[in-house]
N, C-alpha and C. Protein backbone atom coordinates (compact mmCIF):
# COMPACT_ATOMS: atom_id res chain seq x y z
N MET A 1 14.84 6.61 -15.80
CA MET A 1 15.81 5.72 -16.35
C MET A 1 16.94 5.21 -15.44
N PHE A 2 17.27 6.35 -14.74
CA PHE A 2 17.83 5.99 -13.47
C PHE A 2 17.75 4.79 -12.91
N CYS A 3 16.27 4.87 -12.15
CA CYS A 3 15.90 3.81 -11.38
C CYS A 3 16.03 2.37 -12.02
N ILE A 4 15.48 2.07 -13.38
CA ILE A 4 15.37 0.96 -14.03
C ILE A 4 17.17 0.44 -14.36
N GLU A 5 17.74 1.36 -14.47
CA GLU A 5 19.05 1.11 -14.43
C GLU A 5 19.70 0.63 -13.47
N GLN A 6 19.64 1.18 -12.43
CA GLN A 6 19.91 0.56 -11.00
C GLN A 6 19.67 -0.55 -10.43
N ALA A 7 17.94 -0.96 -11.04
CA ALA A 7 17.94 -2.13 -10.69
C ALA A 7 18.20 -3.36 -11.17
N LEU A 8 18.96 -2.93 -12.73
CA LEU A 8 19.29 -4.08 -13.94
C LEU A 8 20.88 -4.70 -13.09
N GLU A 9 21.35 -3.21 -12.55
CA GLU A 9 22.69 -3.44 -12.11
C GLU A 9 22.68 -4.02 -10.66
N MET A 10 21.76 -3.98 -9.99
CA MET A 10 21.82 -4.32 -8.33
C MET A 10 21.95 -5.98 -8.43
N PRO A 11 22.82 -6.05 -7.32
CA PRO A 11 23.18 -7.60 -7.02
C PRO A 11 22.05 -8.29 -6.91
N MET A 12 22.12 -9.58 -7.18
CA MET A 12 20.81 -10.61 -6.97
C MET A 12 20.28 -10.47 -5.65
N GLU A 13 21.49 -10.45 -4.64
CA GLU A 13 21.05 -10.88 -3.30
C GLU A 13 20.19 -9.57 -2.86
N GLU A 14 20.72 -8.27 -3.38
CA GLU A 14 19.72 -7.31 -3.03
C GLU A 14 18.67 -6.80 -3.50
N GLN A 15 18.39 -7.81 -4.75
CA GLN A 15 17.00 -7.58 -5.45
C GLN A 15 16.26 -8.48 -4.68
N LYS A 16 16.82 -9.97 -4.16
CA LYS A 16 15.95 -10.49 -3.45
C LYS A 16 15.48 -10.06 -2.21
N GLN A 17 16.19 -9.38 -1.35
CA GLN A 17 15.73 -9.00 -0.22
C GLN A 17 14.85 -7.29 -0.49
N LYS A 18 14.77 -6.78 -1.53
CA LYS A 18 14.28 -5.70 -2.08
C LYS A 18 12.49 -6.21 -2.14
N MET A 19 12.63 -7.45 -2.87
CA MET A 19 11.38 -7.70 -3.85
C MET A 19 10.90 -8.82 -2.40
N THR A 20 11.33 -9.16 -1.09
CA THR A 20 10.73 -9.73 -0.10
C THR A 20 10.22 -8.65 0.69
N LYS A 21 10.74 -8.00 0.73
CA LYS A 21 9.99 -6.53 1.73
C LYS A 21 8.88 -5.90 0.92
N MET A 22 8.72 -5.82 -0.55
CA MET A 22 7.82 -5.45 -1.22
C MET A 22 6.54 -6.29 -1.07
N TYR A 23 7.12 -7.83 -1.13
CA TYR A 23 5.99 -8.46 -0.99
C TYR A 23 5.35 -8.70 0.56
N GLU A 24 5.94 -8.63 1.26
CA GLU A 24 5.68 -8.66 2.66
C GLU A 24 4.77 -7.26 2.84
N THR A 25 4.80 -5.99 2.38
CA THR A 25 4.12 -4.85 2.55
C THR A 25 2.70 -4.88 1.64
N VAL A 26 2.76 -5.65 0.61
CA VAL A 26 1.58 -5.80 -0.23
C VAL A 26 0.82 -7.01 0.58
N TRP A 27 1.36 -7.68 0.91
CA TRP A 27 0.65 -8.79 1.68
C TRP A 27 -0.13 -8.25 3.27
N LYS A 28 0.60 -7.12 3.51
CA LYS A 28 0.03 -6.45 4.71
C LYS A 28 -1.07 -5.61 4.61
N TYR A 29 -0.73 -4.90 3.62
CA TYR A 29 -1.61 -3.66 3.17
C TYR A 29 -2.62 -4.12 1.76
N ASP A 30 -3.19 -4.93 2.01
CA ASP A 30 -3.91 -5.73 0.50
C ASP A 30 -5.40 -4.62 0.70
N VAL A 31 -6.32 -4.95 -0.17
CA VAL A 31 -7.26 -4.59 -0.46
C VAL A 31 -8.03 -5.03 1.19
N ARG A 32 -8.14 -5.75 1.69
CA ARG A 32 -8.85 -5.85 2.86
C ARG A 32 -8.65 -4.48 3.90
N CYS A 33 -7.32 -4.67 3.86
CA CYS A 33 -6.64 -3.74 4.94
C CYS A 33 -7.27 -2.31 4.53
N TRP A 34 -7.29 -1.91 3.42
CA TRP A 34 -7.72 -0.54 2.89
C TRP A 34 -9.32 -0.57 2.98
N ALA A 35 -9.83 -1.52 2.72
CA ALA A 35 -11.82 -1.51 3.01
C ALA A 35 -11.91 -1.50 4.50
N TYR A 36 -11.06 -1.99 5.26
CA TYR A 36 -10.93 -1.97 6.98
C TYR A 36 -11.12 -0.25 7.26
N HIS A 37 -9.86 0.14 6.75
CA HIS A 37 -9.67 1.54 7.16
C HIS A 37 -10.82 2.64 6.58
N MET A 38 -11.31 2.21 5.13
CA MET A 38 -12.22 3.26 4.64
C MET A 38 -13.51 3.38 5.61
N PHE A 39 -13.64 1.94 5.90
CA PHE A 39 -15.36 1.83 6.44
C PHE A 39 -14.61 2.28 7.98
N GLU A 40 -13.92 2.27 8.49
CA GLU A 40 -13.43 3.18 10.02
C GLU A 40 -13.60 4.36 9.53
N LEU A 41 -13.19 5.34 8.47
CA LEU A 41 -12.95 6.54 8.38
C LEU A 41 -14.68 6.86 8.09
N PHE A 42 -15.58 6.15 7.30
CA PHE A 42 -16.79 6.35 7.13
C PHE A 42 -17.36 6.61 8.58
N GLN A 43 -17.37 5.49 9.18
CA GLN A 43 -17.90 5.55 10.85
C GLN A 43 -17.52 6.59 11.40
N ASN A 44 -16.55 7.10 11.26
CA ASN A 44 -16.18 8.26 11.81
C ASN A 44 -16.64 9.89 11.33
N THR A 45 -17.20 9.52 10.10
CA THR A 45 -17.62 11.03 9.70
C THR A 45 -19.40 11.00 9.86
N THR A 46 -19.19 12.43 10.38
CA THR A 46 -20.93 12.61 10.78
C THR A 46 -21.33 13.52 9.73
N HIS A 47 -22.71 13.63 9.53
CA HIS A 47 -23.27 14.25 8.29
C HIS A 47 -24.16 15.45 8.99
N ASP A 48 -24.26 16.50 8.25
CA ASP A 48 -25.52 17.26 8.62
C ASP A 48 -26.50 16.80 7.56
N VAL A 49 -27.78 16.59 8.46
CA VAL A 49 -28.96 16.35 7.88
C VAL A 49 -29.73 17.52 7.21
N VAL A 50 -30.14 17.67 6.33
CA VAL A 50 -30.88 18.82 5.70
C VAL A 50 -32.42 18.43 5.53
N SER A 51 -33.22 19.02 6.19
CA SER A 51 -34.46 18.72 5.93
C SER A 51 -35.30 19.48 5.27
N GLU A 52 -35.82 19.00 3.89
CA GLU A 52 -36.42 19.46 3.07
C GLU A 52 -38.00 20.51 3.35
């Protein structure tokens, strides 16, 4: 509850600054960024192939 209370009492200018920073972070680290990093991870993963 403390965080919600803190956010509600925060000055409007500080709210705007925090929202801008959060928006920029979400814009930068979107699903494309996540997918790119996942594909990199998969490409760098090696498998031991077991023959039957």
